[in-house]
Amino acid sequence: MSAAQGPLVVGVDSSTQSTKALVVDTATGAVVASGQAPHTVTSGSGRESDPEQWWDALRTALHQCGAPAREAAAVSVGGQQHGLVTLDARGRPVRPALLWNDVRSAPQAAELTARLGGGEAWAERVGSVPAPSFTVTKWAWLVQHEPESAHAAAAVRLPHDYLTGRLTGDGTTDRGDASGTGWWSPITERYDEEILGMVGLDPALLPRLVPPGEAAGTVREADGLPLAHGTLVAAGTGDNAAAALGLGVRPGVPVLSLGTSGTVYAVSRRRSADPTGTVAGFADARGDWLPLACTLNCTLAVDRVAALLGRDREAVEAGGTATLLPFLDGERTPNLPHASGLLHGLRHDTTPGHLLQAAYDGAVHSLLGALDLVLDEEADRSAPLLLIGGGARGQAWQQTVLRLSGRPVQVPQARELVALGAAAQAAGLLTGEDPAAVARRWGTAEGPVLAAVERDEAALDRIGRVLSGASPLLDRPASD
C-alpha cells in the first residue's frame, strides 16, 4: 500500500444486500483500504431489513479498513433509496425498515395518486408519481396496517439518514435522497406539508435538510466505531445520486446501472415532471436534477432464472422465439406491482440457453424503453451508454445492452461507484470542490468503449407485443 498524497476520506455504500466502505486518497482517488459486511432481507410477504444490521455492517466494514479509517478526515454515506425507517424516542427501530422493493403499498400508491388529482398533479408538485417503492406510500401503508408502529414513531428516516444520524447524533438528509420520498418539493426544496398532512405525518419527525456542500455534523463518540471523534460527516445521499457523483457525469450523459434493481438516468439542468410515472424527477446531490427510471427485477432475477435452468449466468444462446419477462418481484417499470414472471413463445427447438438470453432481453427491454424519456432535448443521443453496477462486467449483460440499444457502451474501470461518489462528496466537503469535479479528477468514468452494433428490432418488437398483450394478466395478485 503506497503512502497517501492527500487527506483520506471514507465513502460508504449501504445497499440492499450489504454495506461497503472505501478509504480514498483525496489527491489521487486511490482506494487505500476497503471493507464489506452483509445484511439480510426478508423474503416473505414483503422486503424488510433491521436497520441495526446496517449499523453493525458499517462498523464491521470500517474495522476491516484498519488504520486508514482512523486517519480519515471526512466520511459520507450513500444508501439505498426510498426505505422507510421508523425510530422510537431512544433512536431505536420501531420495526424492520420497509425497503424500496417492498410493493405492499401498491393500493396506497393508487389512492394517494387519485387524492391529489392524478399523475400530472403529483409530477408537477413533487417531480414524481408515487409508486409502491416511494416512502410516502410505505408510510400510508404503515398507518393503515400497523397504526401502533406509526404512533410509536418519534422519527422517520431514509436508510442513509439513519446511518448518518448514528454517526453524528443528529437527524439530517439531503435533497437527492429526500426527492425520492414523495413529500419533498422540487419547487421550494422543502417538505410539502399538505402532502404530509394527507398521510398523517408530523413534519417534526423528519430530518433536517442539509444543502449541497455543507456538513451534516461530526462523528460523535460511539462505542466500537473506528473513526476519530470529530471527523467531518457529509450530508450523504441516495445510491443513484451517489453513483452519479462517483462517475462525475456531466448533463446529458446516459447511465445504465445493472444491480439488484436496474436504473437509467442522466444529470439534467432542468427538473423532470413525467405524469405517466415512468420517469422519477429526482434531484441530484449537487443542485441539479437526476431524472431516473427504475426496474425492480434485474441481475438477481436473471440469476434466479439461470439457477432454475441449472446454467451458468453467461451460458446464453442467440436466437429462439421465446420471450421471458422476469418480473419475479412485481415491477415498477412498467408499473405492474402484482406481476410475476411470464414465459411466452416456447417451441420444440427452444433451448435453456435461449430461455436465459430471453431473461436478459426482458430485463434490459424496460430500461431501454425508458431511456428516451430520461434524456432531455439537450442530450447527445449518440454518446456511449455508461454501463455500471454489478452486472456491467458480465459479457451476457454487455452484449444484450449493445444488441438492444444500438449504441456504443462504455464500461468504467472503477468499481463501487456509490461508495466512490460518497467519498467524492466527503472530499468536496474538505476541499470546497464540486464532488463531480473531484470524481472527474480521479478518472472514475474512464474505461473501454464497446462499438455499437445494429439494434435487434425484431427482439424489441416481440417483447413489446408480449408485454402489451399480457399486461392485464400480469398485474393480478397471486391469490386471484
Protein backbone atom coordinates (compact mmCIF):
# COMPACT_ATOMS: atom_id res chain seq x y z
CA MET A 1 0.00 0.00 0.00
CA SER A 2 1.52 3.34 -1.06
CA ALA A 3 1.53 6.40 1.15
CA ALA A 4 -1.41 8.76 0.67
CA GLN A 5 -0.72 12.01 -1.15
CA GLY A 6 -3.66 13.88 0.34
CA PRO A 7 -6.14 13.66 3.21
CA LEU A 8 -8.09 10.41 3.45
CA VAL A 9 -11.88 10.18 3.27
CA VAL A 10 -14.36 7.33 3.75
CA GLY A 11 -17.15 6.61 1.29
CA VAL A 12 -19.92 4.19 2.30
CA ASP A 13 -22.39 2.27 0.16
CA SER A 14 -25.20 0.77 2.23
CA SER A 15 -27.10 -1.25 -0.36
CA THR A 16 -29.91 -3.78 -0.18
CA GLN A 17 -27.65 -6.76 0.48
CA SER A 18 -24.50 -5.36 2.15
CA THR A 19 -22.58 -2.33 3.36
CA LYS A 20 -19.23 -1.41 1.80
CA ALA A 21 -16.68 1.14 2.95
CA LEU A 22 -13.77 2.58 0.97
CA VAL A 23 -10.94 4.72 2.30
CA VAL A 24 -9.86 7.00 -0.55
CA ASP A 25 -6.93 9.38 -1.08
CA THR A 26 -8.46 12.77 -1.94
CA ALA A 27 -5.48 13.74 -4.12
CA THR A 28 -5.48 10.73 -6.44
CA GLY A 29 -8.71 8.81 -5.90
CA ALA A 30 -6.72 5.71 -4.99
CA VAL A 31 -8.57 3.26 -2.74
CA VAL A 32 -6.18 2.60 0.13
CA ALA A 33 -8.46 0.30 2.16
CA SER A 34 -11.85 -1.35 1.89
CA GLY A 35 -14.31 -3.46 3.85
CA GLN A 36 -17.67 -5.12 3.36
CA ALA A 37 -20.26 -6.88 5.52
CA PRO A 38 -23.65 -8.40 4.59
CA HIS A 39 -27.12 -7.86 5.98
CA THR A 40 -30.28 -9.86 5.49
CA VAL A 41 -33.56 -9.10 3.72
CA THR A 42 -36.79 -10.94 4.45
CA SER A 43 -38.37 -12.78 1.53
CA GLY A 44 -41.90 -13.30 2.81
CA SER A 45 -44.87 -11.05 2.09
CA GLY A 46 -42.61 -8.01 1.88
CA ARG A 47 -38.99 -6.87 1.77
CA GLU A 48 -37.68 -5.69 5.14
CA SER A 49 -34.35 -5.31 6.95
CA ASP A 50 -33.35 -4.48 10.51
CA PRO A 51 -31.56 -1.08 10.45
CA GLU A 52 -29.39 -2.21 13.36
CA GLN A 53 -27.84 -4.72 10.93
CA TRP A 54 -26.81 -1.82 8.67
CA TRP A 55 -25.04 -0.17 11.59
CA ASP A 56 -23.31 -3.39 12.61
CA ALA A 57 -22.27 -3.96 8.98
CA LEU A 58 -20.89 -0.42 8.76
CA ARG A 59 -18.81 -0.88 11.89
CA THR A 60 -17.53 -4.23 10.61
CA ALA A 61 -16.64 -2.79 7.20
CA LEU A 62 -14.81 0.14 8.81
CA HIS A 63 -12.86 -2.19 11.09
CA GLN A 64 -11.79 -4.16 8.02
CA CYS A 65 -10.32 -0.90 6.64
CA GLY A 66 -7.90 -0.79 9.57
CA ALA A 67 -5.72 2.20 10.40
CA PRO A 68 -6.63 4.27 7.29
CA ALA A 69 -10.23 4.56 8.53
CA ARG A 70 -9.00 6.05 11.80
CA GLU A 71 -6.95 8.58 9.82
CA ALA A 72 -9.85 9.76 7.65
CA ALA A 73 -10.76 13.44 7.80
CA ALA A 74 -14.32 13.10 6.48
CA VAL A 75 -16.94 10.44 5.82
CA SER A 76 -20.12 10.25 3.72
CA VAL A 77 -22.86 7.62 3.37
CA GLY A 78 -24.68 6.65 0.18
CA GLY A 79 -27.66 4.40 0.79
CA GLN A 80 -30.50 2.52 -0.87
CA GLN A 81 -33.33 4.90 -1.67
CA HIS A 82 -36.96 5.09 -0.52
CA GLY A 83 -36.78 2.77 2.51
CA LEU A 84 -38.96 3.69 5.50
CA VAL A 85 -37.09 3.69 8.81
CA THR A 86 -39.17 4.41 11.91
CA LEU A 87 -37.38 5.17 15.19
CA ASP A 88 -38.67 5.46 18.74
CA ALA A 89 -37.79 8.19 21.22
CA ARG A 90 -34.49 6.43 22.06
CA GLY A 91 -33.49 6.26 18.39
CA ARG A 92 -34.13 2.53 18.10
CA PRO A 93 -36.09 0.99 15.21
CA VAL A 94 -39.79 0.60 15.95
CA ARG A 95 -39.95 -2.21 13.39
CA PRO A 96 -37.82 -3.50 10.50
CA ALA A 97 -37.38 -0.99 7.67
CA LEU A 98 -39.67 -1.31 4.66
CA LEU A 99 -37.29 -1.44 1.68
CA TRP A 100 -37.57 0.13 -1.76
CA ASN A 101 -38.57 -3.20 -3.37
CA ASP A 102 -41.41 -3.88 -0.93
CA VAL A 103 -44.53 -3.41 -3.09
CA ARG A 104 -47.25 -3.98 -0.47
CA SER A 105 -48.16 -0.29 -0.64
CA ALA A 106 -49.47 -0.52 -4.24
CA PRO A 107 -53.08 0.20 -3.11
CA GLN A 108 -51.90 3.21 -1.12
CA ALA A 109 -49.93 4.48 -4.14
CA ALA A 110 -53.06 4.36 -6.29
CA GLU A 111 -55.17 6.00 -3.59
CA LEU A 112 -52.68 8.82 -2.98
CA THR A 113 -52.31 9.48 -6.70
CA ALA A 114 -56.07 9.91 -7.01
CA ARG A 115 -56.41 12.05 -3.86
CA LEU A 116 -54.02 14.72 -5.11
CA GLY A 117 -55.62 14.87 -8.55
CA GLY A 118 -53.74 12.32 -10.62
CA GLY A 119 -50.28 11.77 -12.02
CA GLU A 120 -49.90 15.21 -13.57
CA ALA A 121 -50.59 16.94 -10.25
CA TRP A 122 -48.06 14.75 -8.43
CA ALA A 123 -45.38 15.13 -11.12
CA GLU A 124 -45.68 18.90 -11.07
CA ARG A 125 -45.71 19.10 -7.29
CA VAL A 126 -43.00 16.62 -6.22
CA GLY A 127 -41.42 15.63 -9.54
CA SER A 128 -42.71 12.04 -9.49
CA VAL A 129 -45.87 9.99 -9.42
CA PRO A 130 -45.83 7.83 -6.27
CA ALA A 131 -45.10 4.17 -6.94
CA PRO A 132 -45.11 1.45 -4.27
CA SER A 133 -41.37 1.95 -3.83
CA PHE A 134 -41.81 5.55 -2.63
CA THR A 135 -41.57 6.33 1.06
CA VAL A 136 -44.85 8.26 1.19
CA THR A 137 -46.78 5.15 0.11
CA LYS A 138 -44.97 3.00 2.67
CA TRP A 139 -45.88 5.41 5.45
CA ALA A 140 -49.52 5.34 4.30
CA TRP A 141 -49.39 1.53 4.36
CA LEU A 142 -47.93 1.57 7.87
CA VAL A 143 -50.64 3.93 9.15
CA GLN A 144 -53.33 1.68 7.73
CA HIS A 145 -51.92 -1.74 8.61
CA GLU A 146 -49.75 -1.11 11.68
CA PRO A 147 -51.13 2.04 13.34
CA GLU A 148 -49.38 1.16 16.60
CA SER A 149 -45.98 1.29 14.81
CA ALA A 150 -46.82 4.62 13.17
CA HIS A 151 -47.93 6.03 16.52
CA ALA A 152 -44.73 4.87 18.22
CA ALA A 153 -42.51 6.60 15.65
CA ALA A 154 -40.63 9.57 17.09
CA ALA A 155 -38.53 9.96 13.94
CA VAL A 156 -38.89 8.92 10.29
CA ARG A 157 -35.73 8.40 8.25
CA LEU A 158 -34.36 7.03 4.99
CA PRO A 159 -31.64 4.35 5.18
CA HIS A 160 -28.75 6.75 4.56
CA ASP A 161 -30.28 9.21 7.06
CA TYR A 162 -30.29 6.50 9.70
CA LEU A 163 -26.58 5.73 9.32
CA THR A 164 -25.59 9.39 9.08
CA GLY A 165 -27.61 10.04 12.24
CA ARG A 166 -25.88 7.20 14.06
CA LEU A 167 -22.54 8.82 13.15
CA THR A 168 -23.46 12.37 14.18
CA GLY A 169 -26.26 12.01 16.69
CA ASP A 170 -28.37 14.40 14.59
CA GLY A 171 -31.25 13.88 12.15
CA THR A 172 -30.30 15.08 8.65
CA THR A 173 -30.87 14.27 5.00
CA ASP A 174 -30.07 15.75 1.58
CA ARG A 175 -32.09 16.87 -1.43
CA GLY A 176 -31.08 13.88 -3.57
CA ASP A 177 -32.48 11.23 -1.23
CA ALA A 178 -35.36 13.40 0.00
CA SER A 179 -36.60 13.77 -3.58
CA GLY A 180 -37.46 10.06 -3.58
CA THR A 181 -39.84 10.25 -0.63
CA GLY A 182 -42.88 11.81 -2.30
CA TRP A 183 -43.11 14.55 0.32
CA TRP A 184 -40.24 16.84 -0.79
CA SER A 185 -40.97 19.74 -3.13
CA PRO A 186 -38.54 20.45 -6.00
CA ILE A 187 -40.07 23.92 -6.27
CA THR A 188 -39.43 25.08 -2.70
CA GLU A 189 -36.77 22.45 -1.82
CA ARG A 190 -38.65 21.90 1.42
CA TYR A 191 -41.08 19.31 2.71
CA ASP A 192 -44.61 19.59 1.33
CA GLU A 193 -46.69 19.95 4.49
CA GLU A 194 -50.01 19.45 2.69
CA ILE A 195 -48.90 16.02 1.48
CA LEU A 196 -47.55 15.22 4.95
CA GLY A 197 -50.94 16.18 6.38
CA MET A 198 -52.69 13.98 3.82
CA VAL A 199 -50.77 10.92 5.09
CA GLY A 200 -50.82 11.93 8.76
CA LEU A 201 -47.08 12.53 9.20
CA ASP A 202 -45.88 15.28 11.54
CA PRO A 203 -43.06 17.22 9.77
CA ALA A 204 -41.27 17.43 13.12
CA LEU A 205 -40.50 13.70 12.75
CA LEU A 206 -38.48 14.31 9.58
CA PRO A 207 -34.74 15.07 9.33
CA ARG A 208 -33.20 18.49 8.70
CA LEU A 209 -32.30 19.12 5.04
CA VAL A 210 -28.59 19.83 4.56
CA PRO A 211 -27.76 21.96 1.46
CA PRO A 212 -25.15 20.68 -1.02
CA GLY A 213 -21.59 21.30 0.14
CA GLU A 214 -22.44 21.61 3.82
CA ALA A 215 -21.63 19.18 6.61
CA ALA A 216 -24.24 17.12 8.41
CA GLY A 217 -22.11 17.23 11.56
CA THR A 218 -19.13 15.42 13.03
CA VAL A 219 -18.58 11.90 14.29
CA ARG A 220 -19.65 11.61 17.90
CA GLU A 221 -18.06 9.21 20.34
CA ALA A 222 -19.55 5.83 19.57
CA ASP A 223 -18.62 2.50 21.09
CA GLY A 224 -16.71 0.33 18.66
CA LEU A 225 -16.63 2.85 15.80
CA PRO A 226 -13.13 3.11 14.21
CA LEU A 227 -13.46 6.75 13.17
CA ALA A 228 -11.86 9.61 15.07
CA HIS A 229 -14.18 11.67 17.22
CA GLY A 230 -14.86 14.97 15.42
CA THR A 231 -14.38 13.59 11.90
CA LEU A 232 -16.46 15.62 9.43
CA VAL A 233 -19.63 13.91 8.17
CA ALA A 234 -21.02 14.99 4.79
CA ALA A 235 -24.74 15.06 4.06
CA GLY A 236 -24.65 11.75 2.17
CA THR A 237 -27.31 10.92 -0.41
CA GLY A 238 -29.24 8.13 -2.12
CA ASP A 239 -27.40 5.43 -4.02
CA ASN A 240 -28.21 6.63 -7.54
CA ALA A 241 -27.25 10.22 -6.78
CA ALA A 242 -24.06 8.92 -5.16
CA ALA A 243 -23.21 6.84 -8.24
CA ALA A 244 -23.76 9.91 -10.43
CA LEU A 245 -21.26 11.76 -8.23
CA GLY A 246 -18.91 8.79 -8.40
CA LEU A 247 -18.92 8.95 -12.19
CA GLY A 248 -18.62 12.73 -12.31
CA VAL A 249 -21.19 12.66 -15.11
CA ARG A 250 -21.95 15.85 -16.99
CA PRO A 251 -25.53 16.77 -18.00
CA GLY A 252 -26.98 14.65 -20.77
CA VAL A 253 -24.67 11.64 -20.42
CA PRO A 254 -26.82 8.49 -20.07
CA VAL A 255 -26.09 5.95 -17.34
CA LEU A 256 -27.48 2.41 -17.20
CA SER A 257 -26.95 0.61 -13.90
CA LEU A 258 -27.33 -3.17 -13.57
CA GLY A 259 -27.79 -4.23 -9.97
CA THR A 260 -30.50 -5.77 -7.79
CA SER A 261 -32.59 -3.10 -9.48
CA GLY A 262 -31.92 -1.70 -12.92
CA THR A 263 -31.82 2.05 -13.47
CA VAL A 264 -31.31 4.52 -16.29
CA TYR A 265 -30.63 8.16 -15.52
CA ALA A 266 -28.84 11.31 -16.61
CA VAL A 267 -27.95 14.55 -14.86
CA SER A 268 -30.06 17.43 -16.18
CA ARG A 269 -30.16 21.20 -15.67
CA ARG A 270 -33.96 21.00 -15.79
CA ARG A 271 -36.26 19.27 -13.39
CA SER A 272 -38.40 16.49 -14.78
CA ALA A 273 -42.17 16.06 -14.36
CA ASP A 274 -43.42 12.89 -16.10
CA PRO A 275 -47.17 12.44 -15.45
CA THR A 276 -47.02 8.79 -16.56
CA GLY A 277 -44.76 7.93 -13.61
CA THR A 278 -42.20 6.15 -15.81
CA VAL A 279 -39.52 8.73 -15.01
CA ALA A 280 -38.98 9.86 -11.44
CA GLY A 281 -37.95 13.51 -11.28
CA PHE A 282 -35.29 13.14 -8.62
CA ALA A 283 -32.85 15.81 -7.51
CA ASP A 284 -29.15 15.10 -7.57
CA ALA A 285 -26.78 15.76 -4.66
CA ARG A 286 -25.23 18.91 -6.16
CA GLY A 287 -28.08 21.23 -7.11
CA ASP A 288 -29.08 19.80 -10.50
CA TRP A 289 -31.63 17.09 -11.33
CA LEU A 290 -31.48 13.35 -11.90
CA PRO A 291 -34.44 12.07 -13.95
CA LEU A 292 -34.43 8.31 -13.47
CA ALA A 293 -36.36 5.20 -14.42
CA CYS A 294 -36.02 2.06 -12.31
CA THR A 295 -36.93 -1.60 -12.64
CA LEU A 296 -37.26 -3.93 -9.67
CA ASN A 297 -36.01 -7.03 -11.49
CA CYS A 298 -32.50 -7.02 -12.89
CA THR A 299 -29.41 -9.08 -12.03
CA LEU A 300 -30.94 -11.12 -9.18
CA ALA A 301 -33.95 -12.02 -11.31
CA VAL A 302 -31.80 -13.17 -14.23
CA ASP A 303 -29.52 -15.10 -11.88
CA ARG A 304 -32.61 -16.82 -10.48
CA VAL A 305 -33.66 -17.86 -13.98
CA ALA A 306 -30.14 -19.21 -14.60
CA ALA A 307 -30.34 -21.20 -11.35
CA LEU A 308 -33.73 -22.66 -12.31
CA LEU A 309 -32.26 -23.71 -15.65
CA GLY A 310 -29.14 -25.13 -13.98
CA ARG A 311 -26.87 -22.95 -16.10
CA ASP A 312 -24.05 -20.53 -15.52
CA ARG A 313 -25.25 -16.94 -15.90
CA GLU A 314 -23.08 -16.50 -19.00
CA ALA A 315 -24.38 -19.65 -20.75
CA VAL A 316 -26.74 -17.87 -23.17
CA GLU A 317 -27.53 -18.84 -26.76
CA ALA A 318 -28.55 -16.49 -29.55
CA GLY A 319 -31.77 -16.97 -31.46
CA GLY A 320 -35.00 -18.62 -30.42
CA THR A 321 -38.59 -17.41 -30.30
CA ALA A 322 -39.14 -17.27 -26.54
CA THR A 323 -39.94 -14.10 -24.62
CA LEU A 324 -39.34 -14.12 -20.87
CA LEU A 325 -40.45 -11.21 -18.70
CA PRO A 326 -38.54 -11.76 -15.42
CA PHE A 327 -40.93 -9.77 -13.20
CA LEU A 328 -40.32 -12.02 -10.19
CA ASP A 329 -40.95 -9.38 -7.51
CA GLY A 330 -43.66 -7.31 -9.16
CA GLU A 331 -42.41 -4.50 -11.37
CA ARG A 332 -42.02 -0.74 -11.23
CA THR A 333 -41.22 -0.03 -14.91
CA PRO A 334 -43.70 -0.85 -16.32
CA ASN A 335 -45.90 -0.23 -13.28
CA LEU A 336 -47.11 -3.76 -12.56
CA PRO A 337 -46.72 -4.16 -8.78
CA HIS A 338 -48.53 -7.53 -8.64
CA ALA A 339 -46.73 -9.06 -11.62
CA SER A 340 -44.89 -12.36 -11.69
CA GLY A 341 -42.59 -13.78 -14.35
CA LEU A 342 -44.06 -14.66 -17.74
CA LEU A 343 -42.72 -17.06 -20.41
CA HIS A 344 -44.17 -16.97 -23.93
CA GLY A 345 -43.26 -18.49 -27.29
CA LEU A 346 -41.86 -21.92 -26.37
CA ARG A 347 -41.08 -24.24 -29.28
CA HIS A 348 -39.66 -27.77 -29.60
CA ASP A 349 -36.31 -26.30 -30.58
CA THR A 350 -36.16 -23.83 -27.64
CA THR A 351 -33.03 -24.46 -25.57
CA PRO A 352 -32.14 -23.49 -21.98
CA GLY A 353 -29.65 -21.03 -23.46
CA HIS A 354 -32.43 -19.40 -25.47
CA LEU A 355 -34.51 -19.03 -22.30
CA LEU A 356 -31.65 -17.49 -20.36
CA GLN A 357 -30.95 -15.00 -23.16
CA ALA A 358 -34.67 -14.18 -23.19
CA ALA A 359 -34.47 -13.33 -19.48
CA TYR A 360 -31.60 -10.91 -20.17
CA ASP A 361 -33.58 -9.37 -23.03
CA GLY A 362 -36.69 -8.96 -20.87
CA ALA A 363 -34.72 -7.26 -18.09
CA VAL A 364 -32.98 -4.81 -20.43
CA HIS A 365 -36.03 -4.03 -22.58
CA SER A 366 -37.86 -1.97 -19.95
CA LEU A 367 -34.75 0.05 -19.09
CA LEU A 368 -34.03 0.98 -22.69
CA GLY A 369 -37.68 1.81 -23.26
CA ALA A 370 -37.43 4.49 -20.59
CA LEU A 371 -34.12 5.92 -21.82
CA ASP A 372 -35.60 8.39 -24.30
CA LEU A 373 -37.89 9.73 -21.58
CA VAL A 374 -34.95 10.22 -19.22
CA LEU A 375 -32.83 12.17 -21.72
CA ASP A 376 -33.85 15.77 -22.46
CA GLU A 377 -33.54 17.54 -25.80
CA GLU A 378 -30.01 18.75 -24.98
CA ALA A 379 -28.64 15.21 -24.56
CA ASP A 380 -26.29 13.67 -27.13
CA ARG A 381 -28.23 10.56 -28.14
CA SER A 382 -25.23 9.06 -29.91
CA ALA A 383 -22.98 9.22 -26.82
CA PRO A 384 -21.94 5.92 -25.26
CA LEU A 385 -24.10 4.50 -22.51
CA LEU A 386 -22.14 4.34 -19.28
CA LEU A 387 -22.75 0.80 -18.04
CA ILE A 388 -22.26 0.35 -14.30
CA GLY A 389 -23.38 -1.87 -11.43
CA GLY A 390 -22.73 -5.47 -10.55
CA GLY A 391 -23.77 -6.78 -13.95
CA ALA A 392 -21.75 -4.30 -16.02
CA ARG A 393 -18.74 -6.58 -16.44
CA GLY A 394 -20.76 -9.62 -17.44
CA GLN A 395 -20.37 -10.49 -21.11
CA ALA A 396 -24.01 -11.51 -21.46
CA TRP A 397 -25.20 -8.22 -19.98
CA GLN A 398 -22.83 -6.16 -22.14
CA GLN A 399 -23.82 -7.92 -25.35
CA THR A 400 -27.54 -7.69 -24.53
CA VAL A 401 -27.32 -3.94 -23.91
CA LEU A 402 -25.31 -3.44 -27.11
CA ARG A 403 -27.74 -5.51 -29.21
CA LEU A 404 -30.94 -3.96 -27.86
CA SER A 405 -29.72 -0.34 -27.62
CA GLY A 406 -27.81 0.02 -30.88
CA ARG A 407 -25.49 2.43 -29.05
CA PRO A 408 -21.84 2.25 -28.05
CA VAL A 409 -21.32 1.20 -24.44
CA GLN A 410 -18.58 2.38 -22.09
CA VAL A 411 -17.73 0.29 -19.03
CA PRO A 412 -15.92 2.37 -16.37
CA GLN A 413 -12.97 0.58 -14.82
CA ALA A 414 -13.71 1.99 -11.37
CA ARG A 415 -15.75 -0.27 -9.13
CA GLU A 416 -18.02 0.56 -6.18
CA LEU A 417 -19.21 3.83 -7.70
CA VAL A 418 -21.75 4.54 -4.95
CA ALA A 419 -19.02 4.40 -2.30
CA LEU A 420 -16.68 6.40 -4.56
CA GLY A 421 -19.39 9.02 -5.03
CA ALA A 422 -19.84 9.27 -1.28
CA ALA A 423 -16.06 9.60 -0.96
CA ALA A 424 -16.06 12.37 -3.59
CA GLN A 425 -18.75 14.17 -1.59
CA ALA A 426 -16.64 13.87 1.55
CA ALA A 427 -13.58 15.10 -0.37
CA GLY A 428 -15.54 18.07 -1.70
CA LEU A 429 -16.52 18.95 1.85
CA LEU A 430 -12.81 19.14 2.75
CA THR A 431 -11.56 20.97 -0.33
CA GLY A 432 -14.55 23.08 -1.35
CA GLU A 433 -14.61 21.43 -4.80
CA ASP A 434 -17.65 20.23 -6.71
CA PRO A 435 -17.81 16.50 -5.86
CA ALA A 436 -18.44 15.63 -9.53
CA ALA A 437 -15.28 17.55 -10.45
CA VAL A 438 -13.41 15.58 -7.79
CA ALA A 439 -14.56 12.32 -9.40
CA ARG A 440 -13.55 13.54 -12.85
CA ARG A 441 -10.12 14.40 -11.46
CA TRP A 442 -9.95 10.83 -10.14
CA GLY A 443 -10.84 9.46 -13.61
CA THR A 444 -13.58 7.19 -12.31
CA ALA A 445 -15.57 7.05 -15.58
CA GLU A 446 -12.60 6.00 -17.72
CA GLY A 447 -12.89 2.60 -19.34
CA PRO A 448 -13.16 0.71 -22.63
CA VAL A 449 -15.80 1.70 -25.19
CA LEU A 450 -17.60 -1.18 -26.93
CA ALA A 451 -18.56 -0.30 -30.50
CA ALA A 452 -22.24 -0.07 -31.41
CA VAL A 453 -23.93 -2.93 -33.25
CA GLU A 454 -27.14 -2.95 -35.27
CA ARG A 455 -30.15 -2.79 -32.98
CA ASP A 456 -32.20 -6.00 -32.76
CA GLU A 457 -35.56 -4.53 -33.74
CA ALA A 458 -37.18 -7.96 -34.09
CA ALA A 459 -36.46 -8.85 -30.45
CA LEU A 460 -37.64 -5.45 -29.22
CA ASP A 461 -40.87 -5.73 -31.19
CA ARG A 462 -41.50 -9.28 -29.96
CA ILE A 463 -41.05 -8.32 -26.32
CA GLY A 464 -43.17 -5.21 -26.76
CA ARG A 465 -46.06 -7.19 -28.26
CA VAL A 466 -45.99 -9.77 -25.48
CA LEU A 467 -45.81 -7.11 -22.78
CA SER A 468 -48.65 -5.10 -24.29
CA GLY A 469 -50.92 -8.11 -24.64
CA ALA A 470 -50.12 -9.63 -21.26
CA SER A 471 -50.18 -6.54 -19.02
CA PRO A 472 -53.78 -7.02 -17.78
CA LEU A 473 -53.00 -10.65 -16.88
CA LEU A 474 -49.59 -9.83 -15.38
CA ASP A 475 -50.84 -7.30 -12.85
CA ARG A 476 -53.09 -9.59 -10.83
CA PRO A 477 -52.38 -10.54 -7.24
CA ALA A 478 -51.30 -14.18 -6.92
CA SER A 479 -54.49 -15.03 -5.00
CA ASP A 480 -56.72 -14.13 -7.97
